[in-house]
């Protein structure tokens, strides 16, 4: 996962490191800080195929398929609210994905 992230954009992403307990994460931030945020080129969610979406951090193939199916039904997606009916799209997931994806009409 961290290879896909190309570094951490926000501190909360440390919680995605498997097996790292919350207490350990909190102690780590006592010694480390985000000096600079790596550049993560955001991609237009309306332009990406299932395979391309699946390469985005936090997107598994079933989620990518759901996004593309919904986008096909609606012609394009305009906001995170459009994805509200997808079961895998909780608030935290949307916040994470917003670091890497954006909405622009085709």
C-alpha atoms as a PDB file:
ATOM      1  CA  UNK A   1       0.000   0.000   0.000  1.00  0.00           C
ATOM      2  CA  UNK A   2       2.722   2.539   0.864  1.00  0.00           C
ATOM      3  CA  UNK A   3       4.287   2.000  -2.566  1.00  0.00           C
ATOM      4  CA  UNK A   4       0.974   2.939  -4.147  1.00  0.00           C
ATOM      5  CA  UNK A   5       0.736   5.987  -1.895  1.00  0.00           C
ATOM      6  CA  UNK A   6       4.182   7.263  -2.893  1.00  0.00           C
ATOM      7  CA  UNK A   7       4.514   8.502   0.666  1.00  0.00           C
ATOM      8  CA  UNK A   8       2.018   9.879   3.137  1.00  0.00           C
ATOM      9  CA  UNK A   9      -0.102  12.879   2.186  1.00  0.00           C
ATOM     10  CA  UNK A  10      -1.743  13.104   5.613  1.00  0.00           C
ATOM     11  CA  UNK A  11      -0.791  11.674   8.997  1.00  0.00           C
ATOM     12  CA  UNK A  12      -3.918   9.556   9.184  1.00  0.00           C
ATOM     13  CA  UNK A  13      -2.660   7.371   6.325  1.00  0.00           C
ATOM     14  CA  UNK A  14      -0.260   5.725   8.756  1.00  0.00           C
ATOM     15  CA  UNK A  15      -3.274   3.744   9.973  1.00  0.00           C
ATOM     16  CA  UNK A  16      -3.169   1.857   6.666  1.00  0.00           C
ATOM     17  CA  UNK A  17       0.124   0.179   7.556  1.00  0.00           C
ATOM     18  CA  UNK A  18      -0.931  -3.352   8.413  1.00  0.00           C
ATOM     19  CA  UNK A  19      -0.370  -4.463  11.967  1.00  0.00           C
ATOM     20  CA  UNK A  20       0.573  -1.026  13.269  1.00  0.00           C
ATOM     21  CA  UNK A  21      -1.465  -0.421  16.415  1.00  0.00           C
ATOM     22  CA  UNK A  22      -2.909   3.004  17.191  1.00  0.00           C
ATOM     23  CA  UNK A  23      -0.627   3.427  20.207  1.00  0.00           C
ATOM     24  CA  UNK A  24       2.426   2.768  18.046  1.00  0.00           C
ATOM     25  CA  UNK A  25       1.221   5.234  15.415  1.00  0.00           C
ATOM     26  CA  UNK A  26       0.796   7.935  18.052  1.00  0.00           C
ATOM     27  CA  UNK A  27       4.298   7.298  19.414  1.00  0.00           C
ATOM     28  CA  UNK A  28       5.792   7.388  15.912  1.00  0.00           C
ATOM     29  CA  UNK A  29       4.403  10.878  15.308  1.00  0.00           C
ATOM     30  CA  UNK A  30       6.269  12.053  18.398  1.00  0.00           C
ATOM     31  CA  UNK A  31       9.490  11.425  16.443  1.00  0.00           C
ATOM     32  CA  UNK A  32       8.450  12.094  12.853  1.00  0.00           C
ATOM     33  CA  UNK A  33       6.595  14.820  11.047  1.00  0.00           C
ATOM     34  CA  UNK A  34       5.487  15.511   7.516  1.00  0.00           C
ATOM     35  CA  UNK A  35       8.057  18.048   6.367  1.00  0.00           C
ATOM     36  CA  UNK A  36       6.764  18.139   2.849  1.00  0.00           C
ATOM     37  CA  UNK A  37       3.872  16.472   1.161  1.00  0.00           C
ATOM     38  CA  UNK A  38       4.778  14.323  -1.845  1.00  0.00           C
ATOM     39  CA  UNK A  39       3.152  15.309  -5.092  1.00  0.00           C
ATOM     40  CA  UNK A  40       0.294  13.011  -5.899  1.00  0.00           C
ATOM     41  CA  UNK A  41      -1.191  13.756  -9.273  1.00  0.00           C
ATOM     42  CA  UNK A  42      -4.948  13.629  -8.939  1.00  0.00           C
ATOM     43  CA  UNK A  43      -6.827  11.853 -11.684  1.00  0.00           C
ATOM     44  CA  UNK A  44     -10.277  12.541 -13.083  1.00  0.00           C
ATOM     45  CA  UNK A  45     -12.542   9.746 -11.887  1.00  0.00           C
ATOM     46  CA  UNK A  46     -14.601  10.105 -15.091  1.00  0.00           C
ATOM     47  CA  UNK A  47     -11.622   9.278 -17.324  1.00  0.00           C
ATOM     48  CA  UNK A  48     -10.362   6.108 -15.654  1.00  0.00           C
ATOM     49  CA  UNK A  49     -11.021   2.498 -16.625  1.00  0.00           C
ATOM     50  CA  UNK A  50     -11.573  -0.224 -14.034  1.00  0.00           C
ATOM     51  CA  UNK A  51      -7.916  -1.249 -14.331  1.00  0.00           C
ATOM     52  CA  UNK A  52      -6.699   2.337 -13.909  1.00  0.00           C
ATOM     53  CA  UNK A  53      -8.969   2.955 -10.915  1.00  0.00           C
ATOM     54  CA  UNK A  54      -7.751  -0.304  -9.359  1.00  0.00           C
ATOM     55  CA  UNK A  55      -4.212   1.049  -9.419  1.00  0.00           C
ATOM     56  CA  UNK A  56      -5.277   4.025  -7.309  1.00  0.00           C
ATOM     57  CA  UNK A  57      -4.596   3.778  -3.588  1.00  0.00           C
ATOM     58  CA  UNK A  58      -7.588   2.491  -1.611  1.00  0.00           C
ATOM     59  CA  UNK A  59      -9.439   1.169  -4.685  1.00  0.00           C
ATOM     60  CA  UNK A  60      -9.893  -2.567  -5.103  1.00  0.00           C
ATOM     61  CA  UNK A  61     -11.254  -4.075  -8.300  1.00  0.00           C
ATOM     62  CA  UNK A  62     -14.806  -4.535  -6.996  1.00  0.00           C
ATOM     63  CA  UNK A  63     -14.967  -0.870  -5.949  1.00  0.00           C
ATOM     64  CA  UNK A  64     -13.537   0.232  -9.309  1.00  0.00           C
ATOM     65  CA  UNK A  65     -16.163  -1.879 -11.090  1.00  0.00           C
ATOM     66  CA  UNK A  66     -18.933  -0.300  -9.019  1.00  0.00           C
ATOM     67  CA  UNK A  67     -17.653   3.204  -9.754  1.00  0.00           C
ATOM     68  CA  UNK A  68     -17.444   2.561 -13.502  1.00  0.00           C
ATOM     69  CA  UNK A  69     -20.892   0.904 -13.571  1.00  0.00           C
ATOM     70  CA  UNK A  70     -22.461   3.862 -11.773  1.00  0.00           C
ATOM     71  CA  UNK A  71     -20.605   6.319 -13.993  1.00  0.00           C
ATOM     72  CA  UNK A  72     -21.890   4.485 -17.079  1.00  0.00           C
ATOM     73  CA  UNK A  73     -25.487   4.671 -15.799  1.00  0.00           C
ATOM     74  CA  UNK A  74     -25.224   8.396 -15.053  1.00  0.00           C
ATOM     75  CA  UNK A  75     -22.988   9.359 -18.011  1.00  0.00           C
ATOM     76  CA  UNK A  76     -20.519  10.941 -15.561  1.00  0.00           C
ATOM     77  CA  UNK A  77     -19.991  11.503 -11.859  1.00  0.00           C
ATOM     78  CA  UNK A  78     -20.016  15.028 -10.470  1.00  0.00           C
ATOM     79  CA  UNK A  79     -19.274  14.618  -6.750  1.00  0.00           C
ATOM     80  CA  UNK A  80     -18.618  12.171  -3.943  1.00  0.00           C
ATOM     81  CA  UNK A  81     -22.343  12.286  -3.231  1.00  0.00           C
ATOM     82  CA  UNK A  82     -22.902  10.440  -6.518  1.00  0.00           C
ATOM     83  CA  UNK A  83     -21.065   7.478  -4.983  1.00  0.00           C
ATOM     84  CA  UNK A  84     -23.184   7.369  -1.810  1.00  0.00           C
ATOM     85  CA  UNK A  85     -24.984   4.171  -2.838  1.00  0.00           C
ATOM     86  CA  UNK A  86     -21.803   2.156  -3.274  1.00  0.00           C
ATOM     87  CA  UNK A  87     -21.436   0.033  -0.130  1.00  0.00           C
ATOM     88  CA  UNK A  88     -17.640   0.338   0.019  1.00  0.00           C
ATOM     89  CA  UNK A  89     -17.728   4.161   0.008  1.00  0.00           C
ATOM     90  CA  UNK A  90     -17.777   5.271   3.614  1.00  0.00           C
ATOM     91  CA  UNK A  91     -16.779   8.734   4.777  1.00  0.00           C
ATOM     92  CA  UNK A  92     -13.179   7.747   5.488  1.00  0.00           C
ATOM     93  CA  UNK A  93     -12.835   6.041   2.111  1.00  0.00           C
ATOM     94  CA  UNK A  94     -14.127   9.170   0.346  1.00  0.00           C
ATOM     95  CA  UNK A  95     -11.679  11.350   2.274  1.00  0.00           C
ATOM     96  CA  UNK A  96      -8.788   9.078   1.333  1.00  0.00           C
ATOM     97  CA  UNK A  97      -9.795   8.850  -2.317  1.00  0.00           C
ATOM     98  CA  UNK A  98     -10.185  12.621  -2.552  1.00  0.00           C
ATOM     99  CA  UNK A  99      -6.409  12.836  -2.135  1.00  0.00           C
ATOM    100  CA  UNK A 100      -5.971  10.999  -5.448  1.00  0.00           C
ATOM    101  CA  UNK A 101      -9.152  11.445  -7.482  1.00  0.00           C
ATOM    102  CA  UNK A 102     -11.324  14.376  -8.537  1.00  0.00           C
ATOM    103  CA  UNK A 103     -14.466  14.969 -10.578  1.00  0.00           C
ATOM    104  CA  UNK A 104     -14.462  16.768 -13.908  1.00  0.00           C
ATOM    105  CA  UNK A 105     -17.175  16.364 -16.470  1.00  0.00           C
ATOM    106  CA  UNK A 106     -16.117  14.858 -19.751  1.00  0.00           C
END
